[in-house]
PDB file of N, CA and C in Angstrom:
ATOM      1  N   MET A   1     -13.183 -50.166  -8.347  1.00  0.00           N
ATOM      2  CA  MET A   1     -12.412 -48.857  -7.629  1.00  0.00           C
ATOM      3  C   MET A   1     -11.067 -49.472  -8.013  1.00  0.00           C
ATOM      4  N   ILE A   2     -10.698 -50.514  -8.264  1.00  0.00           N
ATOM      5  CA  ILE A   2      -9.267 -51.126  -8.082  1.00  0.00           C
ATOM      6  C   ILE A   2      -8.787 -50.628  -9.766  1.00  0.00           C
ATOM      7  N   LYS A   3     -10.202 -50.805 -10.319  1.00  0.00           N
ATOM      8  CA  LYS A   3      -9.426 -50.835 -11.975  1.00  0.00           C
ATOM      9  C   LYS A   3      -9.312 -48.957 -12.228  1.00  0.00           C
ATOM     10  N   ILE A   4      -9.980 -48.365 -11.366  1.00  0.00           N
ATOM     11  CA  ILE A   4      -9.749 -46.943 -11.559  1.00  0.00           C
ATOM     12  C   ILE A   4      -8.250 -46.785 -11.154  1.00  0.00           C
ATOM     13  N   ALA A   5      -8.128 -47.266  -9.746  1.00  0.00           N
ATOM     14  CA  ALA A   5      -6.620 -47.012  -8.952  1.00  0.00           C
ATOM     15  C   ALA A   5      -5.539 -47.376 -10.000  1.00  0.00           C
ATOM     16  N   SER A   6      -5.699 -48.301 -10.486  1.00  0.00           N
ATOM     17  CA  SER A   6      -4.581 -49.123 -11.262  1.00  0.00           C
ATOM     18  C   SER A   6      -4.341 -48.173 -12.610  1.00  0.00           C
ATOM     19  N   ASN A   7      -5.135 -47.220 -13.483  1.00  0.00           N
ATOM     20  CA  ASN A   7      -5.098 -46.452 -13.938  1.00  0.00           C
ATOM     21  C   ASN A   7      -4.251 -45.595 -14.052  1.00  0.00           C
ATOM     22  N   PRO A   8      -2.970 -45.607 -14.902  1.00  0.00           N
ATOM     23  CA  PRO A   8      -1.820 -44.448 -14.428  1.00  0.00           C
ATOM     24  C   PRO A   8      -2.237 -42.934 -14.520  1.00  0.00           C
ATOM     25  N   ALA A   9      -3.555 -42.887 -15.647  1.00  0.00           N
ATOM     26  CA  ALA A   9      -3.733 -41.130 -15.835  1.00  0.00           C
ATOM     27  C   ALA A   9      -4.246 -40.708 -14.620  1.00  0.00           C
ATOM     28  N   ILE A  10      -5.276 -41.636 -14.328  1.00  0.00           N
ATOM     29  CA  ILE A  10      -6.001 -40.981 -13.090  1.00  0.00           C
ATOM     30  C   ILE A  10      -4.654 -40.705 -11.729  1.00  0.00           C
ATOM     31  N   VAL A  11      -4.095 -41.745 -11.662  1.00  0.00           N
ATOM     32  CA  VAL A  11      -3.052 -41.696 -10.519  1.00  0.00           C
ATOM     33  C   VAL A  11      -2.298 -40.607 -10.744  1.00  0.00           C
ATOM     34  N   ALA A  12      -1.817 -40.592 -12.096  1.00  0.00           N
ATOM     35  CA  ALA A  12      -0.963 -39.317 -12.489  1.00  0.00           C
ATOM     36  C   ALA A  12      -1.732 -37.917 -11.987  1.00  0.00           C
ATOM     37  N   VAL A  13      -3.237 -37.908 -12.365  1.00  0.00           N
ATOM     38  CA  VAL A  13      -4.084 -36.661 -12.036  1.00  0.00           C
ATOM     39  C   VAL A  13      -4.069 -36.062 -10.521  1.00  0.00           C
ATOM     40  N   LEU A  14      -4.134 -37.336  -9.924  1.00  0.00           N
ATOM     41  CA  LEU A  14      -4.078 -37.594  -8.392  1.00  0.00           C
ATOM     42  C   LEU A  14      -3.153 -36.739  -7.719  1.00  0.00           C
ATOM     43  N   GLY A  15      -1.813 -37.551  -8.150  1.00  0.00           N
ATOM     44  CA  GLY A  15      -0.698 -37.016  -7.675  1.00  0.00           C
ATOM     45  C   GLY A  15      -0.511 -35.450  -8.072  1.00  0.00           C
ATOM     46  N   ILE A  16      -0.433 -35.026  -9.394  1.00  0.00           N
ATOM     47  CA  ILE A  16      -0.594 -33.752  -9.229  1.00  0.00           C
ATOM     48  C   ILE A  16      -1.511 -32.836  -8.520  1.00  0.00           C
ATOM     49  N   LEU A  17      -2.748 -33.302  -8.444  1.00  0.00           N
ATOM     50  CA  LEU A  17      -3.362 -32.240  -7.600  1.00  0.00           C
ATOM     51  C   LEU A  17      -2.966 -32.585  -6.204  1.00  0.00           C
ATOM     52  N   ALA A  18      -2.500 -33.358  -5.524  1.00  0.00           N
ATOM     53  CA  ALA A  18      -2.094 -33.328  -3.954  1.00  0.00           C
ATOM     54  C   ALA A  18      -0.862 -32.757  -4.180  1.00  0.00           C
ATOM     55  N   GLY A  19       0.205 -33.499  -5.164  1.00  0.00           N
ATOM     56  CA  GLY A  19       1.263 -32.114  -4.847  1.00  0.00           C
ATOM     57  C   GLY A  19       0.758 -30.847  -5.200  1.00  0.00           C
ATOM     58  N   SER A  20      -0.069 -30.174  -6.159  1.00  0.00           N
ATOM     59  CA  SER A  20      -0.387 -28.815  -6.236  1.00  0.00           C
ATOM     60  C   SER A  20      -0.666 -28.017  -4.711  1.00  0.00           C
ATOM     61  N   ALA A  21      -1.913 -29.137  -4.105  1.00  0.00           N
ATOM     62  CA  ALA A  21      -2.263 -28.762  -3.094  1.00  0.00           C
ATOM     63  C   ALA A  21      -1.173 -28.175  -1.599  1.00  0.00           C
ATOM     64  N   VAL A  22      -0.514 -29.573  -2.005  1.00  0.00           N
ATOM     65  CA  VAL A  22       0.485 -29.375  -0.821  1.00  0.00           C
ATOM     66  C   VAL A  22       1.481 -28.283  -1.049  1.00  0.00           C
ATOM     67  N   GLY A  23       1.876 -28.132  -2.062  1.00  0.00           N
ATOM     68  CA  GLY A  23       2.889 -26.828  -2.501  1.00  0.00           C
ATOM     69  C   GLY A  23       2.181 -25.596  -2.174  1.00  0.00           C
ATOM     70  N   LEU A  24       1.103 -25.364  -2.931  1.00  0.00           N
ATOM     71  CA  LEU A  24       0.195 -24.329  -2.440  1.00  0.00           C
ATOM     72  C   LEU A  24       0.253 -24.284  -1.062  1.00  0.00           C
ATOM     73  N   GLY A  25      -0.043 -24.647  -0.146  1.00  0.00           N
ATOM     74  CA  GLY A  25      -0.346 -24.937   1.441  1.00  0.00           C
ATOM     75  C   GLY A  25       1.011 -24.529   1.995  1.00  0.00           C
ATOM     76  N   TRP A  26       2.028 -25.176   1.472  1.00  0.00           N
ATOM     77  CA  TRP A  26       3.217 -24.543   2.174  1.00  0.00           C
ATOM     78  C   TRP A  26       3.573 -23.251   1.694  1.00  0.00           C
ATOM     79  N   PHE A  27       3.431 -22.832   0.441  1.00  0.00           N
ATOM     80  CA  PHE A  27       3.732 -21.379   0.037  1.00  0.00           C
ATOM     81  C   PHE A  27       2.813 -20.359   0.807  1.00  0.00           C
ATOM     82  N   TRP A  28       1.943 -20.930   1.336  1.00  0.00           N
ATOM     83  CA  TRP A  28       0.775 -19.926   1.564  1.00  0.00           C
ATOM     84  C   TRP A  28       1.236 -19.687   3.051  1.00  0.00           C
ATOM     85  N   ARG A  29       1.808 -20.603   3.480  1.00  0.00           N
ATOM     86  CA  ARG A  29       2.218 -20.570   4.989  1.00  0.00           C
ATOM     87  C   ARG A  29       3.445 -19.753   5.523  1.00  0.00           C
ATOM     88  N   ALA A  30       4.542 -20.121   4.168  1.00  0.00           N
ATOM     89  CA  ALA A  30       5.690 -19.270   4.212  1.00  0.00           C
ATOM     90  C   ALA A  30       5.374 -18.101   3.776  1.00  0.00           C
ATOM     91  N   ALA A  31       4.781 -17.715   2.894  1.00  0.00           N
ATOM     92  CA  ALA A  31       4.197 -15.919   2.452  1.00  0.00           C
ATOM     93  C   ALA A  31       3.676 -15.480   3.588  1.00  0.00           C
ATOM     94  N   SER A  32       2.745 -16.287   4.332  1.00  0.00           N
ATOM     95  CA  SER A  32       1.982 -15.162   5.453  1.00  0.00           C
ATOM     96  C   SER A  32       3.285 -15.055   6.698  1.00  0.00           C
ATOM     97  N   LEU A  33       4.206 -16.269   6.732  1.00  0.00           N
ATOM     98  CA  LEU A  33       4.998 -15.720   7.560  1.00  0.00           C
ATOM     99  C   LEU A  33       5.650 -14.419   7.436  1.00  0.00           C
ATOM    100  N   MET A  34       6.446 -14.314   5.986  1.00  0.00           N
ATOM    101  CA  MET A  34       7.079 -13.555   5.447  1.00  0.00           C
ATOM    102  C   MET A  34       6.437 -12.362   5.514  1.00  0.00           C
ATOM    103  N   VAL A  35       5.328 -12.123   5.263  1.00  0.00           N
ATOM    104  CA  VAL A  35       4.373 -10.939   5.376  1.00  0.00           C
ATOM    105  C   VAL A  35       4.304 -10.497   6.586  1.00  0.00           C
ATOM    106  N   GLN A  36       3.993 -11.103   7.618  1.00  0.00           N
ATOM    107  CA  GLN A  36       3.634 -11.039   8.938  1.00  0.00           C
ATOM    108  C   GLN A  36       5.053 -10.177   9.412  1.00  0.00           C
ATOM    109  N   GLN A  37       6.611 -10.661   8.877  1.00  0.00           N
ATOM    110  CA  GLN A  37       7.639 -10.373   9.639  1.00  0.00           C
ATOM    111  C   GLN A  37       8.138  -8.899   8.821  1.00  0.00           C
ATOM    112  N   ALA A  38       7.600  -8.874   7.538  1.00  0.00           N
ATOM    113  CA  ALA A  38       7.936  -7.522   6.723  1.00  0.00           C
ATOM    114  C   ALA A  38       6.819  -6.715   7.587  1.00  0.00           C
ATOM    115  N   ILE A  39       5.600  -6.705   7.649  1.00  0.00           N
ATOM    116  CA  ILE A  39       4.704  -5.792   8.416  1.00  0.00           C
ATOM    117  C   ILE A  39       5.476  -5.208   9.552  1.00  0.00           C
ATOM    118  N   GLU A  40       6.145  -5.918  10.372  1.00  0.00           N
ATOM    119  CA  GLU A  40       6.279  -6.146  11.954  1.00  0.00           C
ATOM    120  C   GLU A  40       7.979  -5.029  11.999  1.00  0.00           C
ATOM    121  N   CYS A  41       8.480  -5.237  10.480  1.00  0.00           N
ATOM    122  CA  CYS A  41       9.929  -4.593  10.290  1.00  0.00           C
ATOM    123  C   CYS A  41       9.872  -3.415   9.665  1.00  0.00           C
ATOM    124  N   ARG A  42       8.480  -3.169   9.344  1.00  0.00           N
ATOM    125  CA  ARG A  42       8.173  -1.838   8.556  1.00  0.00           C
ATOM    126  C   ARG A  42       8.419  -0.364   9.652  1.00  0.00           C
ATOM    127  N   PRO A  43       8.892   0.595   9.243  1.00  0.00           N
ATOM    128  CA  PRO A  43       8.863   1.732  10.070  1.00  0.00           C
ATOM    129  C   PRO A  43       7.696   2.229  10.068  1.00  0.00           C
ATOM    130  N   ALA A  44       7.296   3.022  11.310  1.00  0.00           N
ATOM    131  CA  ALA A  44       6.022   4.115  11.239  1.00  0.00           C
ATOM    132  C   ALA A  44       6.386   5.124  10.516  1.00  0.00           C
ATOM    133  N   PRO A  45       4.968   5.587   9.774  1.00  0.00           N
ATOM    134  CA  PRO A  45       5.434   6.608   8.601  1.00  0.00           C
ATOM    135  C   PRO A  45       5.914   7.861   9.548  1.00  0.00           C
ATOM    136  N   VAL A  46       6.916   8.579   9.327  1.00  0.00           N
ATOM    137  CA  VAL A  46       7.015  10.062   9.863  1.00  0.00           C
ATOM    138  C   VAL A  46       6.287  10.886   9.169  1.00  0.00           C
ATOM    139  N   VAL A  47       5.384  11.875  10.783  1.00  0.00           N
ATOM    140  CA  VAL A  47       4.610  12.960  10.184  1.00  0.00           C
ATOM    141  C   VAL A  47       5.312  14.115  10.653  1.00  0.00           C
ATOM    142  N   ALA A  48       5.830  14.714   9.780  1.00  0.00           N
ATOM    143  CA  ALA A  48       6.514  16.225  10.396  1.00  0.00           C
ATOM    144  C   ALA A  48       5.246  17.156  11.097  1.00  0.00           C
ATOM    145  N   GLU A  49       5.681  18.148  11.658  1.00  0.00           N
ATOM    146  CA  GLU A  49       5.006  19.378  12.078  1.00  0.00           C
ATOM    147  C   GLU A  49       3.884  20.061  11.180  1.00  0.00           C
ATOM    148  N   GLY A  50       2.737  19.824  11.208  1.00  0.00           N
ATOM    149  CA  GLY A  50       2.311  20.624  10.561  1.00  0.00           C
ATOM    150  C   GLY A  50       1.387  20.024   8.773  1.00  0.00           C
ATOM    151  N   LYS A  51       2.024  18.392   9.162  1.00  0.00           N
ATOM    152  CA  LYS A  51       1.758  17.706   8.013  1.00  0.00           C
ATOM    153  C   LYS A  51       0.938  16.596   8.610  1.00  0.00           C
ATOM    154  N   GLU A  52      -0.153  16.799   9.357  1.00  0.00           N
ATOM    155  CA  GLU A  52      -0.416  15.998   9.602  1.00  0.00           C
ATOM    156  C   GLU A  52      -1.867  14.876   8.884  1.00  0.00           C
ATOM    157  N   HIS A  53      -1.817  15.533   7.692  1.00  0.00           N
ATOM    158  CA  HIS A  53      -2.777  14.778   6.762  1.00  0.00           C
ATOM    159  C   HIS A  53      -1.611  13.756   5.586  1.00  0.00           C
ATOM    160  N   GLY A  54      -0.685  13.800   5.987  1.00  0.00           N
ATOM    161  CA  GLY A  54       0.259  12.826   5.113  1.00  0.00           C
ATOM    162  C   GLY A  54       0.688  13.450   4.226  1.00  0.00           C
ATOM    163  N   TRP A  55       1.054  14.566   3.931  1.00  0.00           N
ATOM    164  CA  TRP A  55       2.281  15.593   3.301  1.00  0.00           C
ATOM    165  C   TRP A  55       3.316  15.223   3.372  1.00  0.00           C
ATOM    166  N   ASP A  56       4.025  14.415   2.609  1.00  0.00           N
ATOM    167  CA  ASP A  56       5.512  14.274   3.343  1.00  0.00           C
ATOM    168  C   ASP A  56       6.624  14.967   2.599  1.00  0.00           C
ATOM    169  N   PHE A  57       6.206  16.025   1.832  1.00  0.00           N
ATOM    170  CA  PHE A  57       7.408  16.756   0.997  1.00  0.00           C
ATOM    171  C   PHE A  57       6.692  17.956   1.018  1.00  0.00           C
ATOM    172  N   TRP A  58       7.802  19.305   1.088  1.00  0.00           N
ATOM    173  CA  TRP A  58       7.526  20.593   1.015  1.00  0.00           C
ATOM    174  C   TRP A  58       8.814  21.051   0.304  1.00  0.00           C
ATOM    175  N   THR A  59       8.102  21.651  -0.966  1.00  0.00           N
ATOM    176  CA  THR A  59       9.291  22.302  -2.002  1.00  0.00           C
ATOM    177  C   THR A  59       9.316  23.542  -2.197  1.00  0.00           C
ATOM    178  N   ILE A  60      10.210  24.248  -2.800  1.00  0.00           N
ATOM    179  CA  ILE A  60      10.319  25.713  -2.903  1.00  0.00           C
ATOM    180  C   ILE A  60       9.080  25.940  -3.725  1.00  0.00           C
ATOM    181  N   GLU A  61       8.507  25.318  -4.717  1.00  0.00           N
ATOM    182  CA  GLU A  61       7.602  25.860  -5.285  1.00  0.00           C
ATOM    183  C   GLU A  61       6.369  26.141  -4.597  1.00  0.00           C
ATOM    184  N   ILE A  62       5.946  25.260  -3.884  1.00  0.00           N
ATOM    185  CA  ILE A  62       5.328  25.017  -3.058  1.00  0.00           C
ATOM    186  C   ILE A  62       5.125  26.416  -1.594  1.00  0.00           C
ATOM    187  N   ASP A  63       6.343  26.427  -1.342  1.00  0.00           N
ATOM    188  CA  ASP A  63       6.142  27.617  -0.188  1.00  0.00           C
ATOM    189  C   ASP A  63       6.119  28.563  -1.305  1.00  0.00           C
ATOM    190  N   GLY A  64       6.734  28.902  -2.755  1.00  0.00           N
ATOM    191  CA  GLY A  64       6.053  30.286  -3.314  1.00  0.00           C
ATOM    192  C   GLY A  64       4.621  30.179  -3.552  1.00  0.00           C
ATOM    193  N   LEU A  65       3.926  29.359  -3.760  1.00  0.00           N
ATOM    194  CA  LEU A  65       2.591  28.905  -4.313  1.00  0.00           C
ATOM    195  C   LEU A  65       1.874  29.438  -2.946  1.00  0.00           C
ATOM    196  N   ALA A  66       2.475  29.166  -1.468  1.00  0.00           N
ATOM    197  CA  ALA A  66       2.093  29.703  -0.201  1.00  0.00           C
ATOM    198  C   ALA A  66       1.691  31.006  -0.071  1.00  0.00           C
ATOM    199  N   ALA A  67       3.067  31.532  -0.322  1.00  0.00           N
ATOM    200  CA  ALA A  67       3.178  32.925  -0.426  1.00  0.00           C
ATOM    201  C   ALA A  67       2.559  33.300  -1.238  1.00  0.00           C
ATOM    202  N   GLU A  68       2.230  33.254  -2.839  1.00  0.00           N
ATOM    203  CA  GLU A  68       1.648  34.092  -3.183  1.00  0.00           C
ATOM    204  C   GLU A  68       0.180  34.098  -2.962  1.00  0.00           C
ATOM    205  N   LEU A  69      -0.439  33.158  -2.518  1.00  0.00           N
ATOM    206  CA  LEU A  69      -1.862  32.863  -2.122  1.00  0.00           C
ATOM    207  C   LEU A  69      -1.911  33.668  -0.779  1.00  0.00           C
ATOM    208  N   ALA A  70      -0.936  33.679   0.134  1.00  0.00           N
ATOM    209  CA  ALA A  70      -1.211  34.799   1.474  1.00  0.00           C
ATOM    210  C   ALA A  70      -1.576  35.920   0.997  1.00  0.00           C
ATOM    211  N   TRP A  71      -0.477  36.288  -0.258  1.00  0.00           N
ATOM    212  CA  TRP A  71      -0.108  37.650  -0.406  1.00  0.00           C
ATOM    213  C   TRP A  71      -2.030  38.098  -1.215  1.00  0.00           C
ATOM    214  N   LEU A  72      -2.375  37.281  -2.158  1.00  0.00           N
ATOM    215  CA  LEU A  72      -3.479  37.543  -2.989  1.00  0.00           C
ATOM    216  C   LEU A  72      -4.607  37.608  -1.918  1.00  0.00           C
ATOM    217  N   GLU A  73      -4.692  37.031  -0.713  1.00  0.00           N
ATOM    218  CA  GLU A  73      -5.769  36.827   0.424  1.00  0.00           C
ATOM    219  C   GLU A  73      -5.415  38.260   1.106  1.00  0.00           C
ATOM    220  N   ALA A  74      -4.399  38.715   1.417  1.00  0.00           N
ATOM    221  CA  ALA A  74      -4.020  40.232   1.980  1.00  0.00           C
ATOM    222  C   ALA A  74      -4.562  41.168   0.660  1.00  0.00           C
ATOM    223  N   GLU A  75      -4.477  41.372  -0.251  1.00  0.00           N
ATOM    224  CA  GLU A  75      -4.679  42.062  -1.327  1.00  0.00           C
ATOM    225  C   GLU A  75      -6.333  42.424  -1.223  1.00  0.00           C
ATOM    226  N   LEU A  76      -7.194  40.945  -1.004  1.00  0.00           N
ATOM    227  CA  LEU A  76      -8.359  40.638  -0.750  1.00  0.00           C
ATOM    228  C   LEU A  76      -9.088  41.104  -0.039  1.00  0.00           C
ATOM    229  N   THR A  77      -8.335  41.159   1.275  1.00  0.00           N
ATOM    230  CA  THR A  77      -8.908  41.554   2.308  1.00  0.00           C
ATOM    231  C   THR A  77      -8.726  43.244   2.141  1.00  0.00           C
ATOM    232  N   ALA A  78      -7.785  43.815   1.855  1.00  0.00           N
ATOM    233  CA  ALA A  78      -7.293  45.125   1.679  1.00  0.00           C
ATOM    234  C   ALA A  78      -8.295  46.014   0.609  1.00  0.00           C
ATOM    235  N   ARG A  79      -8.778  45.331  -0.334  1.00  0.00           N
ATOM    236  CA  ARG A  79     -10.041  45.544  -1.114  1.00  0.00           C
ATOM    237  C   ARG A  79     -11.063  45.694  -0.476  1.00  0.00           C
ATOM    238  N   LYS A  80     -11.761  44.764   0.088  1.00  0.00           N
ATOM    239  CA  LYS A  80     -12.921  44.535   0.833  1.00  0.00           C
ATOM    240  C   LYS A  80     -12.902  45.950   1.932  1.00  0.00           C
ATOM    241  N   LEU A  81     -11.863  45.788   2.420  1.00  0.00           N
ATOM    242  CA  LEU A  81     -11.713  47.008   3.726  1.00  0.00           C
ATOM    243  C   LEU A  81     -11.754  48.224   2.989  1.00  0.00           C
ATOM    244  N   LEU A  82     -11.559  48.817   1.558  1.00  0.00           N
ATOM    245  CA  LEU A  82     -11.138  49.970   1.336  1.00  0.00           C
ATOM    246  C   LEU A  82     -12.660  50.161   0.687  1.00  0.00           C
ATOM    247  N   ALA A  83     -13.432  49.124  -0.016  1.00  0.00           N
ATOM    248  CA  ALA A  83     -14.419  49.079  -0.562  1.00  0.00           C
ATOM    249  C   ALA A  83     -15.735  49.881   0.434  1.00  0.00           C
ATOM    250  N   THR A  84     -15.765  49.448   1.576  1.00  0.00           N
ATOM    251  CA  THR A  84     -16.407  49.883   2.609  1.00  0.00           C
ATOM    252  C   THR A  84     -16.387  50.939   3.546  1.00  0.00           C
TER     253      THR A  84
END
């Protein structure tokens, strides 16, 4: 056992492993605290009216598509009424 402990290569490997383990543990602890603080500081998502499912933007193009869809739906309903 003394012979193994006096071998510089084994001592170096054990030192590298111990240093890596301590460094990784220290990093893990510090990173978990930083992540927890980031989660706590993150603002809650803002959900506007009519956007319950996470839709967070509304553009003119989408408004135009919605109007066109409403117009086509009204036209289809009118055609069904005329056919009966």
